[in-house]
Amino acid sequence: MTRVVGLTGVTKKYPGGVTALDGVDLAIEEGELVGIVGPSGSGKSTLLHIVGTLDRPTSGSVEIAGFDVAALSDRELSALRARHVGFVFQAFHLVPGVSALDNVAEGLLYSGLPRAVRRRRAAEALERVGLADRARHRPHELSGGQKQRVAIARAVVGDPELLLADEPTGALDSASGESIMELLHDLSAAGSTIAVITHDLEVAAQLPRRVRLRDGAVVEDVLGSVPPSVRGGEADAGPPAGAAEGCGSTGGSGSTGGSGSAGAAGGSGPSGGWSGTAGGPGTAGGSGTAGRSGTAGRWSGTAGRWSGTTSGSGTTSELGTTNGPRTTSGPDTTSEPRTTGGPPWPPQDRVPDDAWTGA
């Protein structure tokens, strides 16, 4: 299987002694759908910038789509990003007053393709995300979920090797968010390599692989389903929430079942708790009720290990809108010449005649 992302010992330090990434090793293979999850300050934004070639590491090696980032000039890096990486952000970054078709076609603006070809491919991308019937609609005529679909279409219109989705459901209601996650799964099933950056544990729970960051380091890299305690915050199955290990409660009324099994001596009839012995000698008599004050089993008392806070962190995302370029998807947003060069993408001789008039 082809490796699309390869990070080895990646460290990123900023002035003032801030270490945003600390020796990160990460490999993403072709066709994988990966969640990169962590609380604010965990290093998600910095990792996004490094993988998306928007920034260079302080140390370590970065390989994207088979290219060693350290060996590329800024111009070549821009070409790599424009052709091989697609971006989807929490903010849609659609051009107001421009149709969905032309917003998507903008993703090919730096490709050197004729305008007619760009628009044809944009129409195909909109159909791919289920918005063929909204091609002529402008952003203000679309719902939030539809806007995000347009942004995704723009990101994949150039068939990039890697799609980076930063909090793709963060600005959406739950129903729209679910539809976007379904779309990402569909794109993954069709062969796209996708990394979803999120702080939302419910979003992460829907992904087959999860890489968890904390303090700039990878602390967990797991495959498979997420336990309920992480997915929805509920306690694990077992003793009831709030039970403490080693501390018995009265187990309800402590009666022996109403039949008077305690007998004349009171004996040690079973309690109504989890499994503890009945408390003390019961009072004899016709009713045969066991000692009401008898301690039941070991499961109760003040909050213990079963009622602890849910795993993970529910803090808000470190990204509201990203710190990267304001325009998203395939096109490079740096202020470089419109033609690009270098190994990943043959340079264009000139800017397309219609490049300055929109897609």
Protein backbone atom coordinates (compact mmCIF):
# COMPACT_ATOMS: atom_id res chain seq x y z
CA MET A 1 0.00 0.00 0.00
CA THR A 2 1.27 3.48 -0.89
CA ARG A 3 2.16 5.80 1.95
CA VAL A 4 0.63 9.25 1.49
CA VAL A 5 1.86 10.86 4.73
CA GLY A 6 5.07 10.01 6.53
CA LEU A 7 6.27 11.96 9.58
CA THR A 8 9.35 10.85 11.50
CA GLY A 9 10.50 12.56 14.69
CA VAL A 10 8.77 15.80 13.75
CA THR A 11 9.25 18.66 16.19
CA LYS A 12 7.97 22.21 15.87
CA LYS A 13 9.17 24.92 18.23
CA TYR A 14 8.13 28.56 18.31
CA PRO A 15 9.93 31.55 19.82
CA GLY A 16 9.56 31.77 23.56
CA GLY A 17 10.27 28.11 24.17
CA VAL A 18 6.87 26.83 23.02
CA THR A 19 7.04 23.27 21.68
CA ALA A 20 3.92 22.63 19.60
CA LEU A 21 4.98 19.20 18.32
CA ASP A 22 7.39 16.94 20.15
CA GLY A 23 8.84 14.01 18.21
CA VAL A 24 5.70 13.03 16.27
CA ASP A 25 5.78 9.85 14.18
CA LEU A 26 2.78 9.37 11.91
CA ALA A 27 2.09 7.32 8.79
CA ILE A 28 -1.13 7.46 6.75
CA GLU A 29 -1.59 4.96 3.96
CA GLU A 30 -3.50 5.41 0.74
CA GLY A 31 -7.27 5.08 1.22
CA GLU A 32 -7.22 5.49 5.01
CA LEU A 33 -9.79 7.55 6.92
CA VAL A 34 -8.05 8.85 10.04
CA GLY A 35 -9.18 11.06 12.88
CA ILE A 36 -6.60 13.29 14.57
CA VAL A 37 -8.18 14.19 17.88
CA GLY A 38 -7.16 16.11 20.97
CA PRO A 39 -8.10 19.05 23.18
CA SER A 40 -7.12 22.66 22.64
CA GLY A 41 -3.36 23.06 22.85
CA SER A 42 -2.63 19.46 21.94
CA GLY A 43 -0.90 20.37 18.67
CA LYS A 44 -3.65 19.58 16.15
CA SER A 45 -3.38 22.90 14.31
CA THR A 46 0.38 22.66 14.02
CA LEU A 47 0.16 19.09 12.77
CA LEU A 48 -2.40 20.19 10.18
CA HIS A 49 -0.03 22.92 8.96
CA ILE A 50 2.92 20.53 8.77
CA VAL A 51 1.02 17.78 6.94
CA GLY A 52 -0.62 20.34 4.66
CA THR A 53 2.82 21.82 3.83
CA LEU A 54 1.68 25.21 5.13
CA ASP A 55 4.62 25.21 7.54
CA ARG A 56 7.94 23.45 7.89
CA PRO A 57 9.06 21.53 10.99
CA THR A 58 11.92 22.60 13.22
CA SER A 59 13.35 19.10 12.99
CA GLY A 60 12.37 15.68 11.70
CA SER A 61 11.35 14.52 8.24
CA VAL A 62 8.06 15.05 6.39
CA GLU A 63 7.08 13.14 3.28
CA ILE A 64 3.84 13.96 1.45
CA ALA A 65 2.64 12.02 -1.61
CA GLY A 66 6.14 10.62 -2.07
CA PHE A 67 7.97 13.97 -1.91
CA ASP A 68 10.47 14.96 0.76
CA VAL A 69 9.25 18.37 1.91
CA ALA A 70 12.71 19.43 3.08
CA ALA A 71 14.09 19.03 -0.44
CA LEU A 72 11.51 21.35 -2.05
CA SER A 73 11.73 25.09 -2.53
CA ASP A 74 8.81 27.28 -1.49
CA ARG A 75 7.66 27.41 -5.12
CA GLU A 76 7.83 23.64 -5.45
CA LEU A 77 6.07 23.26 -2.10
CA SER A 78 3.25 25.47 -3.37
CA ALA A 79 2.95 23.26 -6.43
CA LEU A 80 2.87 20.14 -4.26
CA ARG A 81 0.14 21.62 -2.11
CA ALA A 82 -1.93 22.81 -5.06
CA ARG A 83 -1.92 19.46 -6.79
CA HIS A 84 -1.68 16.83 -4.07
CA VAL A 85 -3.49 18.25 -1.01
CA GLY A 86 -7.11 19.36 -0.61
CA PHE A 87 -8.37 21.39 2.35
CA VAL A 88 -11.78 21.57 4.03
CA PHE A 89 -12.18 24.00 6.93
CA GLN A 90 -14.84 24.70 9.52
CA ALA A 91 -15.46 28.03 7.78
CA PHE A 92 -16.54 27.35 4.22
CA HIS A 93 -14.58 30.20 2.56
CA LEU A 94 -16.89 30.34 -0.45
CA VAL A 95 -16.77 33.39 -2.68
CA PRO A 96 -20.04 35.32 -2.12
CA GLY A 97 -22.14 36.10 -5.15
CA VAL A 98 -20.50 33.31 -7.17
CA SER A 99 -22.30 30.11 -8.11
CA ALA A 100 -21.47 26.78 -6.52
CA LEU A 101 -20.11 25.61 -9.87
CA ASP A 102 -17.65 28.49 -10.14
CA ASN A 103 -16.66 28.20 -6.48
CA VAL A 104 -15.69 24.58 -7.11
CA ALA A 105 -13.95 25.41 -10.40
CA GLU A 106 -11.80 27.87 -8.47
CA GLY A 107 -10.06 24.84 -7.00
CA LEU A 108 -8.45 24.29 -10.41
CA LEU A 109 -7.47 27.91 -11.03
CA TYR A 110 -3.75 27.16 -10.74
CA SER A 111 -3.89 23.95 -12.74
CA GLY A 112 -3.40 25.60 -16.13
CA LEU A 113 -6.53 23.90 -17.46
CA PRO A 114 -8.85 25.78 -19.83
CA ARG A 115 -11.91 27.36 -18.24
CA ALA A 116 -14.29 24.96 -19.98
CA VAL A 117 -12.42 21.96 -18.58
CA ARG A 118 -12.37 23.45 -15.09
CA ARG A 119 -16.11 23.99 -15.16
CA ARG A 120 -16.78 20.50 -16.49
CA ARG A 121 -14.73 18.93 -13.72
CA ALA A 122 -16.44 21.18 -11.17
CA ALA A 123 -19.83 19.89 -12.32
CA GLU A 124 -18.58 16.32 -11.89
CA ALA A 125 -17.32 17.11 -8.38
CA LEU A 126 -20.68 18.63 -7.39
CA GLU A 127 -22.42 15.51 -8.62
CA ARG A 128 -20.00 13.45 -6.57
CA VAL A 129 -21.07 15.22 -3.38
CA GLY A 130 -24.78 15.14 -4.27
CA LEU A 131 -25.22 18.78 -5.27
CA ALA A 132 -25.58 18.60 -9.05
CA ASP A 133 -28.97 20.31 -8.76
CA ARG A 134 -27.45 23.23 -6.82
CA ALA A 135 -24.69 24.09 -9.29
CA ARG A 136 -26.17 27.50 -10.14
CA HIS A 137 -27.02 28.46 -6.57
CA ARG A 138 -24.98 31.12 -4.80
CA PRO A 139 -23.73 30.63 -1.23
CA HIS A 140 -26.54 32.66 0.36
CA GLU A 141 -29.03 30.30 -1.30
CA LEU A 142 -27.49 27.20 0.28
CA SER A 143 -27.83 25.64 3.73
CA GLY A 144 -24.82 25.16 5.98
CA GLY A 145 -24.51 21.51 5.06
CA GLN A 146 -24.76 22.32 1.36
CA LYS A 147 -22.06 24.99 1.68
CA GLN A 148 -19.75 22.46 3.29
CA ARG A 149 -20.47 20.02 0.47
CA VAL A 150 -19.48 22.70 -2.03
CA ALA A 151 -16.25 23.24 -0.06
CA ILE A 152 -15.58 19.49 -0.12
CA ALA A 153 -16.26 19.37 -3.86
CA ARG A 154 -13.77 22.20 -4.33
CA ALA A 155 -11.21 20.28 -2.27
CA VAL A 156 -11.53 17.06 -4.27
CA VAL A 157 -12.08 18.49 -7.76
CA GLY A 158 -8.38 18.09 -8.56
CA ASP A 159 -8.29 14.49 -7.23
CA PRO A 160 -5.65 15.18 -4.55
CA GLU A 161 -3.84 12.30 -2.88
CA LEU A 162 -4.74 13.71 0.54
CA LEU A 163 -7.82 15.49 1.88
CA LEU A 164 -7.40 17.38 5.17
CA ALA A 165 -10.72 18.17 6.86
CA ASP A 166 -10.36 20.54 9.81
CA GLU A 167 -13.44 20.44 12.06
CA PRO A 168 -15.66 19.79 9.00
CA THR A 169 -18.83 19.56 11.13
CA GLY A 170 -17.97 22.29 13.64
CA ALA A 171 -20.26 24.94 12.12
CA LEU A 172 -23.15 22.58 11.34
CA ASP A 173 -26.21 21.27 13.15
CA SER A 174 -26.20 17.60 14.09
CA ALA A 175 -28.19 16.41 11.06
CA SER A 176 -25.98 18.29 8.59
CA GLY A 177 -22.90 17.11 10.45
CA GLU A 178 -23.99 13.49 10.12
CA SER A 179 -24.53 13.92 6.38
CA ILE A 180 -21.03 15.38 5.99
CA MET A 181 -19.51 12.45 7.90
CA GLU A 182 -21.42 10.05 5.64
CA LEU A 183 -20.00 11.88 2.62
CA LEU A 184 -16.45 11.58 3.96
CA HIS A 185 -17.00 7.84 4.46
CA ASP A 186 -18.27 7.58 0.88
CA LEU A 187 -15.22 9.43 -0.44
CA SER A 188 -12.97 7.15 1.60
CA ALA A 189 -14.72 4.07 0.24
CA ALA A 190 -14.06 5.42 -3.27
CA GLY A 191 -10.33 5.53 -2.53
CA SER A 192 -9.68 8.99 -1.09
CA THR A 193 -7.16 9.37 1.73
CA ILE A 194 -8.71 11.58 4.40
CA ALA A 195 -7.50 12.98 7.71
CA VAL A 196 -10.16 14.59 9.92
CA ILE A 197 -8.82 16.99 12.55
CA THR A 198 -11.29 17.39 15.42
CA HIS A 199 -11.75 17.86 19.15
CA ASP A 200 -15.21 16.24 19.00
CA LEU A 201 -15.16 12.72 20.46
CA GLU A 202 -18.45 11.86 18.77
CA VAL A 203 -16.95 12.70 15.38
CA ALA A 204 -13.81 10.73 16.22
CA ALA A 205 -15.93 7.74 17.24
CA GLN A 206 -17.21 7.46 13.66
CA LEU A 207 -13.73 7.02 12.20
CA PRO A 208 -11.96 3.68 11.80
CA ARG A 209 -8.61 4.98 13.03
CA ARG A 210 -7.94 7.61 15.68
CA VAL A 211 -4.66 9.32 16.49
CA ARG A 212 -4.85 11.16 19.82
CA LEU A 213 -2.55 14.07 20.61
CA ARG A 214 -1.64 15.54 23.96
CA ASP A 215 0.95 18.24 24.61
CA GLY A 216 2.32 17.92 21.09
CA ALA A 217 2.89 14.16 21.21
CA VAL A 218 0.98 11.14 19.91
CA VAL A 219 -0.33 9.32 22.98
CA GLU A 220 -2.66 6.88 21.25
CA ASP A 221 -3.10 5.41 17.77
CA VAL A 222 -5.95 2.93 17.66
CA LEU A 223 -8.09 1.06 15.15
CA GLY A 224 -11.66 -0.11 15.68
CA SER A 225 -14.70 1.12 17.56
CA VAL A 226 -14.55 3.53 20.47
CA PRO A 227 -15.92 2.38 23.86
CA PRO A 228 -19.19 3.98 24.96
CA SER A 229 -17.45 5.94 27.70
CA VAL A 230 -15.49 7.83 25.04
CA ARG A 231 -18.21 7.98 22.42
CA GLY A 232 -21.04 9.42 24.45
CA GLY A 233 -19.71 10.03 27.95
CA GLU A 234 -21.82 7.37 29.66
CA ALA A 235 -20.36 5.06 32.30
CA ASP A 236 -19.18 1.57 31.46
CA ALA A 237 -21.50 -1.37 32.11
CA GLY A 238 -21.13 -2.77 35.60
CA PRO A 239 -21.87 -1.37 39.04
CA PRO A 240 -24.13 1.66 39.01
CA ALA A 241 -22.67 5.13 38.58
CA GLY A 242 -21.62 6.67 41.84
CA ALA A 243 -20.58 3.37 43.43
CA ALA A 244 -17.26 3.34 45.20
CA GLU A 245 -15.09 0.28 45.46
CA GLY A 246 -14.82 -1.14 48.95
CA CYS A 247 -17.60 0.87 50.62
CA GLY A 248 -20.92 -0.86 51.30
CA SER A 249 -24.35 0.75 51.36
CA THR A 250 -27.48 -0.49 53.05
CA GLY A 251 -28.60 -2.13 49.80
CA GLY A 252 -32.13 -0.79 49.92
CA SER A 253 -34.16 -1.80 52.92
CA GLY A 254 -31.99 -4.77 53.82
CA SER A 255 -35.05 -7.00 54.17
CA THR A 256 -34.67 -10.72 53.64
CA GLY A 257 -37.47 -10.86 51.09
CA GLY A 258 -40.51 -10.49 53.30
CA SER A 259 -40.80 -14.16 54.16
CA GLY A 260 -39.21 -13.84 57.55
CA SER A 261 -36.28 -16.05 56.64
CA ALA A 262 -34.31 -14.47 59.45
CA GLY A 263 -36.29 -16.67 61.84
CA ALA A 264 -36.18 -16.44 65.54
CA ALA A 265 -32.48 -15.79 65.71
CA GLY A 266 -32.30 -13.42 62.79
CA GLY A 267 -29.45 -15.47 61.34
CA SER A 268 -27.54 -14.00 58.45
CA GLY A 269 -30.16 -13.86 55.72
CA PRO A 270 -29.19 -12.55 52.29
CA SER A 271 -29.26 -8.79 51.87
CA GLY A 272 -30.74 -6.71 49.06
CA GLY A 273 -27.39 -5.28 48.05
CA TRP A 274 -24.87 -6.47 45.48
CA SER A 275 -23.34 -9.37 47.37
CA GLY A 276 -22.41 -8.37 50.90
CA THR A 277 -23.43 -10.33 53.96
CA ALA A 278 -26.57 -9.34 55.80
CA GLY A 279 -25.92 -6.90 58.59
CA GLY A 280 -25.83 -8.20 62.12
CA PRO A 281 -28.42 -10.37 63.80
CA GLY A 282 -31.93 -9.63 62.61
CA THR A 283 -34.79 -9.02 64.93
CA ALA A 284 -36.96 -12.03 65.47
CA GLY A 285 -40.70 -11.90 65.20
CA GLY A 286 -43.62 -12.64 63.03
CA SER A 287 -42.54 -10.48 60.15
CA GLY A 288 -39.12 -11.94 60.04
CA THR A 289 -37.61 -8.76 58.60
CA ALA A 290 -33.88 -8.69 58.70
CA GLY A 291 -32.04 -5.88 60.41
CA ARG A 292 -32.82 -2.75 58.38
CA SER A 293 -29.54 -1.21 59.29
CA GLY A 294 -27.45 -4.12 58.12
CA THR A 295 -24.80 -3.18 55.58
CA ALA A 296 -25.25 -4.69 52.15
CA GLY A 297 -22.44 -5.34 49.74
CA ARG A 298 -19.38 -3.47 48.68
CA TRP A 299 -20.89 -1.42 45.86
CA SER A 300 -22.04 2.03 46.87
CA GLY A 301 -20.97 4.98 48.86
CA THR A 302 -19.59 8.17 47.48
CA ALA A 303 -18.57 8.56 43.87
CA GLY A 304 -15.78 6.18 42.96
CA ARG A 305 -14.15 4.79 39.92
CA TRP A 306 -17.40 4.14 38.07
CA SER A 307 -18.58 7.73 38.15
CA GLY A 308 -15.39 9.47 37.19
CA THR A 309 -15.37 12.02 34.45
CA THR A 310 -15.53 10.60 30.96
CA SER A 311 -12.30 9.84 29.17
CA GLY A 312 -10.90 12.24 26.74
CA SER A 313 -11.51 15.94 26.91
CA GLY A 314 -14.58 17.93 26.11
CA THR A 315 -12.81 21.22 25.75
CA THR A 316 -13.46 23.24 22.69
CA SER A 317 -11.38 23.00 19.56
CA GLU A 318 -8.14 24.86 19.40
CA LEU A 319 -9.27 25.95 15.98
CA GLY A 320 -12.23 28.19 15.47
CA THR A 321 -11.36 29.04 11.99
CA THR A 322 -7.93 27.86 10.99
CA ASN A 323 -4.80 29.91 11.08
CA GLY A 324 -3.98 28.86 7.56
CA PRO A 325 -4.85 30.61 4.34
CA ARG A 326 -8.31 32.10 4.06
CA THR A 327 -9.11 30.32 0.85
CA THR A 328 -9.27 26.56 0.95
CA SER A 329 -9.03 23.40 -1.12
CA GLY A 330 -6.56 22.65 -3.85
CA PRO A 331 -5.42 26.12 -4.91
CA ASP A 332 -2.36 27.53 -3.28
CA THR A 333 -3.08 30.64 -1.25
CA THR A 334 0.42 32.06 -1.03
CA SER A 335 1.33 35.27 -2.78
CA GLU A 336 3.54 33.58 -5.34
CA PRO A 337 3.40 33.73 -9.12
CA ARG A 338 0.46 31.89 -10.53
CA THR A 339 2.66 29.46 -12.38
CA THR A 340 4.36 26.80 -10.34
CA GLY A 341 7.23 24.47 -10.95
CA GLY A 342 9.32 21.71 -9.55
CA PRO A 343 9.14 17.97 -9.64
CA PRO A 344 5.57 17.51 -8.39
CA TRP A 345 3.98 19.63 -11.10
CA PRO A 346 5.46 20.71 -14.47
CA PRO A 347 5.61 24.53 -14.60
CA GLN A 348 3.16 26.41 -16.73
CA ASP A 349 4.49 28.83 -19.32
CA ARG A 350 1.94 31.47 -18.52
CA VAL A 351 -1.17 32.23 -16.48
CA PRO A 352 -4.43 31.23 -18.24
CA ASP A 353 -6.02 34.19 -19.99
CA ASP A 354 -9.18 33.83 -17.95
CA ALA A 355 -7.51 33.23 -14.59
CA TRP A 356 -8.10 36.83 -13.45
CA THR A 357 -11.80 36.75 -14.23
CA GLY A 358 -12.73 33.92 -11.91
CA ALA A 359 -13.23 30.27 -12.56
